[in-house]
Amino acid sequence: MKIKDTNLNWTLNVVARVVVGLVFIFSSFVKGVDPMGTSFKITEYLTAWTFFGMSFDWLVPLATFMAMVLIVVEFTTGVMLLFGTFRRTSAWVLVLMMLFFTATTLFDAITNEVTDCGCFGDAIKLTNWQTFWKNIALDIPTVWIFLTRDLRRKQRFERDMLITIFAIVAMVLFGLYNINNEPCIDFRSWKVGNQMIDMDENAQVKSYVTYVNKETGERDEFLSEELVKRMEDPAWEEQWEWESSRVEDPHEIKADGFSMLDMDMNDHAKELIGSEDYLLIATIHHLDKVNEDGLDGLEDAAEWAEEHGVQMVVLTSALPEDVQSFLYHNGLDNLDFYFADVTAIETMARSNPGFLLLKGGKVLGKWHYRHADDIEDFILR
């Protein structure tokens, strides 16, 4: 299909490239901030999906590499679109990526095997259907970019190559930095400075109810105490029907599904996270993947905690006997340990192990195991 080279068609091409390019750059940036989070998401896909009876578990060891490839390709494509670089190549790459993304998110929306695609990392959470329709919206300018890829195309090989190489190198370096450190921008609940539990003893538990208007579909959420007043009006009761309810407990930890279980499956999360004393948590989401540098980090952290009288605990998803053996053989058997879901631990810290310092329910510091010696620079007040 030949598109005429008119000012309108060219303007629409530029607008489409800018819009899609910026979306791709933003999407890849928030994933590049946290490549390990993208790696965990890819692992979730690989373990959840099967294709004609074939599983993809064998690709799990390559998840981090695949995450970096995805991030770099997406970022580079966005930059190429924005600057009009190698327009034929970028148009083809864009079409192939959008075909893959659209098909993937449609399958997700139908099956719900993976509840969050992670397309915007932890920065923006979308439902599977919202993600699918977002991709459908992007497909429209994508088709136009592809159809008009030859309009006013100029040979600028040196310029285009320079921009493309710069984009690739910049995102590779940025991604590697965030792999070897905790993410430079933390979009997760356990961000430094966040108050993970309300310490106000007078804070009240609040119950909310949601009602839906039978005619308009309008939803209204309000405190349950208001329900009695509203139901005094017979007309209101006829027009509205109950949909759901929720409880907002200010004393609950502000991380969904978080727990710190002991050997007897008793949850100590509230008492530990809400302690007025300093608490150093060493998170180990995969015990069998702790390397020598990770062990050195654990030893440095334990030494600092003992020296300053700070309670240090290990939080892991491993089996009790494996944890006991690990701590004993590494001279750390004086540490208490607790258990949590692997996803909850990965959300706290990406490094394995990672370290979080809390007091009064507030996250005061977070360190990658490569920088465990930096804990010594933290000044206790």
Protein backbone atom coordinates (compact mmCIF):
# COMPACT_ATOMS: atom_id res chain seq x y z
CA MET A 1 0.00 0.00 0.00
CA LYS A 2 1.54 3.27 -1.15
CA ILE A 3 0.91 6.31 1.04
CA LYS A 4 1.15 9.72 -0.66
CA ASP A 5 3.89 12.02 0.57
CA THR A 6 1.78 14.94 1.76
CA ASN A 7 2.38 17.36 4.60
CA LEU A 8 -0.53 15.87 6.53
CA ASN A 9 0.70 12.29 6.18
CA TRP A 10 4.22 13.32 7.16
CA THR A 11 2.93 15.24 10.20
CA LEU A 12 0.89 12.23 11.30
CA ASN A 13 3.98 10.05 10.91
CA VAL A 14 6.02 12.37 13.14
CA VAL A 15 3.25 12.55 15.77
CA ALA A 16 2.86 8.76 15.77
CA ARG A 17 6.62 8.21 16.11
CA VAL A 18 6.87 10.70 18.97
CA VAL A 19 3.93 9.20 20.89
CA VAL A 20 4.98 5.56 20.49
CA GLY A 21 8.67 6.42 20.96
CA LEU A 22 8.02 8.20 24.26
CA VAL A 23 5.87 5.31 25.52
CA PHE A 24 8.62 2.84 24.64
CA ILE A 25 11.30 5.00 26.27
CA PHE A 26 9.26 5.40 29.45
CA SER A 27 8.36 1.70 29.58
CA SER A 28 11.97 0.59 29.08
CA PHE A 29 13.30 3.17 31.54
CA VAL A 30 11.09 2.03 34.43
CA LYS A 31 12.09 -1.55 33.65
CA GLY A 32 15.75 -0.57 33.28
CA VAL A 33 15.60 0.97 36.73
CA ASP A 34 14.87 -2.53 38.03
CA PRO A 35 16.09 -5.23 35.60
CA MET A 36 15.88 -7.89 38.31
CA GLY A 37 12.18 -7.14 38.73
CA THR A 38 11.74 -7.66 34.98
CA SER A 39 13.78 -10.88 35.29
CA PHE A 40 11.45 -12.13 38.03
CA LYS A 41 8.45 -11.29 35.84
CA ILE A 42 9.92 -13.17 32.87
CA THR A 43 10.55 -16.13 35.18
CA GLU A 44 6.89 -15.98 36.18
CA TYR A 45 5.89 -16.15 32.52
CA LEU A 46 8.29 -19.00 31.76
CA THR A 47 7.01 -21.12 34.65
CA ALA A 48 3.32 -20.31 34.11
CA TRP A 49 3.08 -20.83 30.38
CA THR A 50 2.95 -24.01 28.32
CA PHE A 51 2.61 -24.26 24.55
CA PHE A 52 1.09 -27.48 23.18
CA GLY A 53 2.29 -29.27 26.30
CA MET A 54 5.79 -27.79 26.11
CA SER A 55 7.02 -25.88 29.16
CA PHE A 56 9.63 -23.15 29.20
CA ASP A 57 11.23 -23.86 32.59
CA TRP A 58 14.55 -24.60 30.88
CA LEU A 59 14.83 -20.92 29.93
CA VAL A 60 14.62 -19.69 33.55
CA PRO A 61 18.45 -19.45 33.97
CA LEU A 62 18.44 -16.99 31.05
CA ALA A 63 15.71 -14.77 32.55
CA THR A 64 18.04 -11.92 33.54
CA PHE A 65 19.72 -11.93 30.12
CA MET A 66 16.31 -11.97 28.44
CA ALA A 67 15.20 -9.07 30.63
CA MET A 68 18.21 -7.00 29.59
CA VAL A 69 17.66 -7.80 25.91
CA LEU A 70 14.00 -6.79 26.16
CA ILE A 71 14.82 -3.53 27.97
CA VAL A 72 17.63 -2.56 25.58
CA VAL A 73 15.66 -3.38 22.42
CA GLU A 74 12.59 -1.52 23.69
CA PHE A 75 14.61 1.54 24.70
CA THR A 76 16.61 1.60 21.47
CA THR A 77 13.44 1.26 19.39
CA GLY A 78 11.88 4.15 21.29
CA VAL A 79 14.94 6.36 20.68
CA MET A 80 15.04 5.38 17.00
CA LEU A 81 11.38 6.28 16.58
CA LEU A 82 11.79 9.58 18.40
CA PHE A 83 14.78 10.68 16.29
CA GLY A 84 13.68 9.09 13.02
CA THR A 85 16.70 6.79 13.03
CA PHE A 86 16.84 3.88 10.54
CA ARG A 87 13.15 4.34 9.90
CA ARG A 88 12.62 1.15 7.91
CA THR A 89 14.38 -1.00 10.49
CA SER A 90 12.70 0.67 13.46
CA ALA A 91 9.28 0.30 11.81
CA TRP A 92 9.78 -3.44 11.29
CA VAL A 93 11.11 -3.97 14.84
CA LEU A 94 8.19 -1.95 16.22
CA VAL A 95 5.59 -4.01 14.33
CA LEU A 96 7.12 -7.30 15.45
CA MET A 97 7.32 -6.15 19.07
CA MET A 98 3.74 -4.89 19.10
CA LEU A 99 2.50 -8.13 17.54
CA PHE A 100 4.24 -10.06 20.31
CA PHE A 101 3.08 -7.70 23.08
CA THR A 102 -0.53 -7.64 21.85
CA ALA A 103 -0.77 -11.42 21.48
CA THR A 104 0.88 -11.97 24.86
CA THR A 105 -1.36 -9.56 26.73
CA LEU A 106 -4.49 -10.93 25.04
CA PHE A 107 -3.55 -14.42 26.19
CA ASP A 108 -2.86 -13.01 29.68
CA ALA A 109 -6.20 -11.23 29.78
CA ILE A 110 -8.07 -14.39 28.80
CA THR A 111 -6.21 -16.88 30.99
CA ASN A 112 -5.01 -14.60 33.82
CA GLU A 113 -2.11 -17.01 34.39
CA VAL A 114 0.15 -14.01 35.06
CA THR A 115 -1.83 -11.29 36.80
CA ASP A 116 0.49 -8.36 36.01
CA CYS A 117 2.50 -8.14 32.78
CA GLY A 118 5.08 -5.79 34.32
CA CYS A 119 5.13 -3.64 31.17
CA PHE A 120 5.69 -0.52 33.28
CA GLY A 121 7.67 -2.28 36.00
CA ASP A 122 6.47 -1.34 39.48
CA ALA A 123 5.91 2.30 38.49
CA ILE A 124 2.40 1.80 37.07
CA LYS A 125 0.23 -1.23 37.69
CA LEU A 126 -2.35 -2.19 35.08
CA THR A 127 -4.79 -5.06 34.93
CA ASN A 128 -4.33 -7.56 32.10
CA TRP A 129 -7.27 -6.15 30.17
CA GLN A 130 -6.05 -2.58 30.66
CA THR A 131 -2.65 -3.65 29.33
CA PHE A 132 -4.22 -5.33 26.32
CA TRP A 133 -6.30 -2.28 25.41
CA LYS A 134 -3.25 -0.08 25.93
CA ASN A 135 -1.46 -2.18 23.33
CA ILE A 136 -4.43 -1.98 20.97
CA ALA A 137 -4.26 1.82 21.28
CA LEU A 138 -0.55 1.70 20.41
CA ASP A 139 -1.19 -0.63 17.48
CA ILE A 140 -3.01 2.16 15.62
CA PRO A 141 -0.02 4.57 15.38
CA THR A 142 2.25 1.54 14.91
CA VAL A 143 0.43 0.59 11.69
CA TRP A 144 0.69 4.17 10.44
CA ILE A 145 4.41 4.33 11.25
CA PHE A 146 4.93 1.13 9.28
CA LEU A 147 2.88 2.27 6.27
CA THR A 148 4.64 5.65 6.10
CA ARG A 149 8.15 4.39 6.87
CA ASP A 150 9.48 5.58 3.48
CA LEU A 151 8.05 9.10 3.51
CA ARG A 152 10.84 11.70 3.15
CA ARG A 153 13.41 9.12 4.17
CA LYS A 154 16.99 10.40 3.97
CA GLN A 155 20.30 8.56 4.02
CA ARG A 156 21.98 9.63 7.28
CA PHE A 157 23.89 6.49 8.14
CA GLU A 158 26.59 8.03 10.38
CA ARG A 159 24.07 10.07 12.39
CA ASP A 160 21.64 7.18 12.72
CA MET A 161 24.35 4.74 13.73
CA LEU A 162 25.71 7.13 16.36
CA ILE A 163 22.27 7.62 17.94
CA THR A 164 21.52 3.88 17.88
CA ILE A 165 24.86 2.88 19.41
CA PHE A 166 24.51 5.56 22.08
CA ALA A 167 21.02 4.28 23.00
CA ILE A 168 22.21 0.67 23.25
CA VAL A 169 25.30 1.47 25.31
CA ALA A 170 23.46 3.88 27.60
CA MET A 171 20.72 1.37 28.48
CA VAL A 172 23.15 -1.54 28.86
CA LEU A 173 25.26 0.45 31.33
CA PHE A 174 22.16 1.75 33.13
CA GLY A 175 20.69 -1.74 33.43
CA LEU A 176 23.95 -3.31 34.62
CA TYR A 177 24.32 -0.61 37.26
CA ASN A 178 20.86 -1.39 38.64
CA ILE A 179 21.54 -5.13 38.57
CA ASN A 180 24.64 -4.67 40.69
CA ASN A 181 22.92 -2.24 43.06
CA GLU A 182 19.49 -1.81 44.48
CA PRO A 183 17.33 0.06 41.89
CA CYS A 184 18.31 3.74 41.70
CA ILE A 185 14.59 4.62 41.81
CA ASP A 186 12.48 2.42 44.07
CA PHE A 187 8.81 2.11 43.11
CA ARG A 188 8.09 -0.66 45.62
CA SER A 189 6.43 -0.56 49.03
CA TRP A 190 9.71 -1.11 50.93
CA LYS A 191 11.24 2.13 49.68
CA VAL A 192 13.65 3.93 51.99
CA GLY A 193 11.64 6.47 53.97
CA ASN A 194 8.33 4.57 53.78
CA GLN A 195 6.38 3.97 56.98
CA MET A 196 5.45 0.29 56.78
CA ILE A 197 3.16 0.23 59.80
CA ASP A 198 1.19 2.96 61.58
CA MET A 199 2.64 3.50 65.05
CA ASP A 200 -0.28 5.62 66.28
CA GLU A 201 -2.00 3.50 68.91
CA ASN A 202 -5.15 5.62 68.61
CA ALA A 203 -5.57 5.01 64.88
CA GLN A 204 -8.92 3.39 64.19
CA VAL A 205 -9.78 0.44 61.98
CA LYS A 206 -12.10 1.60 59.18
CA SER A 207 -14.60 -0.52 57.29
CA TYR A 208 -15.70 0.48 53.80
CA VAL A 209 -18.54 -0.80 51.64
CA THR A 210 -19.08 -0.37 47.91
CA TYR A 211 -22.51 -0.16 46.35
CA VAL A 212 -23.45 -0.10 42.65
CA ASN A 213 -26.32 1.81 41.11
CA LYS A 214 -28.58 -0.76 39.40
CA GLU A 215 -29.47 1.59 36.54
CA THR A 216 -26.29 3.59 35.81
CA GLY A 217 -23.61 1.19 37.05
CA GLU A 218 -22.12 4.00 39.15
CA ARG A 219 -20.03 2.83 42.11
CA ASP A 220 -19.94 4.54 45.48
CA GLU A 221 -17.64 3.62 48.35
CA PHE A 222 -18.24 4.95 51.84
CA LEU A 223 -17.64 4.15 55.50
CA SER A 224 -19.86 1.36 56.79
CA GLU A 225 -21.19 3.70 59.50
CA GLU A 226 -22.90 5.71 56.76
CA LEU A 227 -24.80 2.66 55.50
CA VAL A 228 -27.48 2.85 58.20
CA LYS A 229 -28.25 6.46 57.30
CA ARG A 230 -28.47 5.74 53.59
CA MET A 231 -30.73 2.73 54.08
CA GLU A 232 -33.21 4.95 55.90
CA ASP A 233 -34.15 6.17 52.43
CA PRO A 234 -36.27 3.41 50.74
CA ALA A 235 -35.59 4.91 47.31
CA TRP A 236 -31.84 4.64 47.79
CA GLU A 237 -32.09 0.99 48.88
CA GLU A 238 -34.11 0.14 45.76
CA GLN A 239 -31.60 1.84 43.41
CA TRP A 240 -28.34 0.56 44.91
CA GLU A 241 -27.02 -2.93 45.60
CA TRP A 242 -24.03 -4.14 47.61
CA GLU A 243 -20.91 -5.12 45.67
CA SER A 244 -17.99 -5.46 48.09
CA SER A 245 -16.49 -4.44 51.39
CA ARG A 246 -12.99 -3.92 52.71
CA VAL A 247 -11.28 -3.20 56.01
CA GLU A 248 -8.50 -0.64 56.38
CA ASP A 249 -6.41 -1.51 59.41
CA PRO A 250 -3.72 1.13 60.03
CA HIS A 251 -1.79 -1.38 62.10
CA GLU A 252 -1.41 -3.83 59.23
CA ILE A 253 1.91 -3.86 57.41
CA LYS A 254 1.63 -1.93 54.16
CA ALA A 255 2.80 -4.79 51.97
CA ASP A 256 0.24 -7.25 50.66
CA GLY A 257 0.63 -10.77 51.99
CA PHE A 258 3.74 -10.01 54.03
CA SER A 259 4.59 -12.26 56.95
CA MET A 260 7.55 -13.32 59.09
CA LEU A 261 6.82 -16.87 60.20
CA ASP A 262 8.79 -18.85 62.74
CA MET A 263 9.29 -22.63 62.77
CA ASP A 264 5.84 -23.09 64.32
CA MET A 265 4.19 -20.90 61.65
CA ASN A 266 3.56 -18.04 64.07
CA ASP A 267 3.66 -14.63 62.37
CA HIS A 268 6.01 -12.11 64.03
CA ALA A 269 5.83 -9.46 61.31
CA LYS A 270 3.94 -6.81 63.29
CA GLU A 271 6.05 -7.05 66.43
CA LEU A 272 9.34 -7.03 64.50
CA ILE A 273 8.54 -4.39 61.88
CA GLY A 274 6.75 -2.25 64.46
CA SER A 275 9.53 -2.48 67.04
CA GLU A 276 10.82 0.80 68.44
CA ASP A 277 14.32 -0.68 68.36
CA TYR A 278 16.54 -0.93 65.30
CA LEU A 279 16.04 -4.06 63.22
CA LEU A 280 18.32 -5.23 60.41
CA ILE A 281 16.68 -7.73 58.06
CA ALA A 282 18.83 -9.84 55.75
CA THR A 283 16.57 -10.95 52.91
CA ILE A 284 17.51 -14.14 51.05
CA HIS A 285 14.98 -15.05 48.39
CA HIS A 286 17.06 -17.94 46.98
CA LEU A 287 19.37 -19.57 49.49
CA ASP A 288 21.09 -21.76 46.89
CA LYS A 289 22.10 -18.70 44.86
CA VAL A 290 24.02 -16.83 47.56
CA ASN A 291 27.56 -16.36 46.23
CA GLU A 292 30.85 -15.62 47.99
CA ASP A 293 30.30 -11.86 47.84
CA GLY A 294 26.85 -12.40 49.32
CA LEU A 295 28.34 -14.40 52.19
CA ASP A 296 30.88 -11.64 52.80
CA GLY A 297 28.02 -9.15 52.90
CA LEU A 298 26.15 -11.26 55.45
CA GLU A 299 29.24 -11.49 57.64
CA ASP A 300 29.87 -7.73 57.42
CA ALA A 301 26.25 -6.97 58.30
CA ALA A 302 26.22 -9.43 61.21
CA GLU A 303 29.46 -7.97 62.55
CA TRP A 304 28.06 -4.43 62.36
CA ALA A 305 24.80 -5.47 64.05
CA GLU A 306 26.61 -7.20 66.90
CA GLU A 307 28.98 -4.28 67.37
CA HIS A 308 26.12 -1.77 67.62
CA GLY A 309 23.68 -3.96 69.55
CA VAL A 310 21.20 -4.07 66.67
CA GLN A 311 18.93 -7.07 66.27
CA MET A 312 19.57 -8.81 62.94
CA VAL A 313 17.32 -11.49 61.50
CA VAL A 314 17.32 -13.51 58.31
CA LEU A 315 14.17 -13.63 56.19
CA THR A 316 14.08 -16.41 53.61
CA SER A 317 11.81 -18.72 51.65
CA ALA A 318 14.05 -21.79 52.04
CA LEU A 319 13.28 -24.95 54.02
CA PRO A 320 14.04 -24.75 57.77
CA GLU A 321 16.70 -27.47 57.68
CA ASP A 322 18.44 -25.75 54.76
CA VAL A 323 18.47 -22.41 56.55
CA GLN A 324 19.86 -23.95 59.74
CA SER A 325 22.58 -25.75 57.79
CA PHE A 326 23.47 -22.63 55.82
CA LEU A 327 23.77 -20.42 58.90
CA TYR A 328 25.70 -23.03 60.88
CA HIS A 329 28.29 -23.71 58.17
CA ASN A 330 28.87 -19.99 57.70
CA GLY A 331 29.22 -19.11 61.37
CA LEU A 332 25.92 -17.21 61.47
CA ASP A 333 23.90 -19.63 63.59
CA ASN A 334 23.43 -16.96 66.26
CA LEU A 335 20.96 -15.18 63.96
CA ASP A 336 17.21 -15.70 64.25
CA PHE A 337 15.48 -16.54 61.00
CA TYR A 338 11.95 -16.27 59.69
CA PHE A 339 10.09 -17.37 56.58
CA ALA A 340 8.14 -15.48 53.94
CA ASP A 341 6.87 -15.95 50.42
CA VAL A 342 9.65 -15.64 47.83
CA THR A 343 7.79 -12.91 45.94
CA ALA A 344 7.38 -10.85 49.10
CA ILE A 345 11.12 -11.14 49.77
CA GLU A 346 12.03 -10.23 46.20
CA THR A 347 9.83 -7.15 46.58
CA MET A 348 11.70 -6.03 49.69
CA ALA A 349 15.16 -6.18 48.09
CA ARG A 350 16.33 -7.34 44.68
CA SER A 351 19.81 -8.44 45.75
CA ASN A 352 20.35 -11.88 47.23
CA PRO A 353 21.01 -11.24 50.06
CA GLY A 354 19.77 -7.72 50.61
CA PHE A 355 19.66 -5.67 53.80
CA LEU A 356 16.96 -3.41 55.24
CA LEU A 357 17.30 -1.34 58.40
CA LEU A 358 14.06 -0.39 60.15
CA LYS A 359 12.98 1.36 63.31
CA GLY A 360 9.44 2.11 64.45
CA GLY A 361 8.05 0.64 61.25
CA LYS A 362 10.05 3.00 59.02
CA VAL A 363 12.57 1.86 56.39
CA LEU A 364 15.76 3.76 57.21
CA GLY A 365 18.16 2.13 54.80
CA LYS A 366 18.50 -0.52 52.10
CA TRP A 367 21.70 -2.07 50.76
CA HIS A 368 22.78 -4.50 48.06
CA TYR A 369 25.12 -7.23 49.35
CA ARG A 370 27.93 -5.69 47.27
CA HIS A 371 27.64 -2.60 49.44
CA ALA A 372 27.03 -4.22 52.82
CA ASP A 373 30.10 -2.44 54.18
CA ASP A 374 28.25 0.85 53.61
CA ILE A 375 25.98 -0.10 56.52
CA GLU A 376 28.87 0.94 58.75
CA ASP A 377 28.39 4.53 57.55
CA PHE A 378 24.83 4.62 58.85
CA ILE A 379 24.63 6.71 61.99
CA LEU A 380 22.33 5.33 64.68
CA ARG A 381 20.37 8.04 66.44
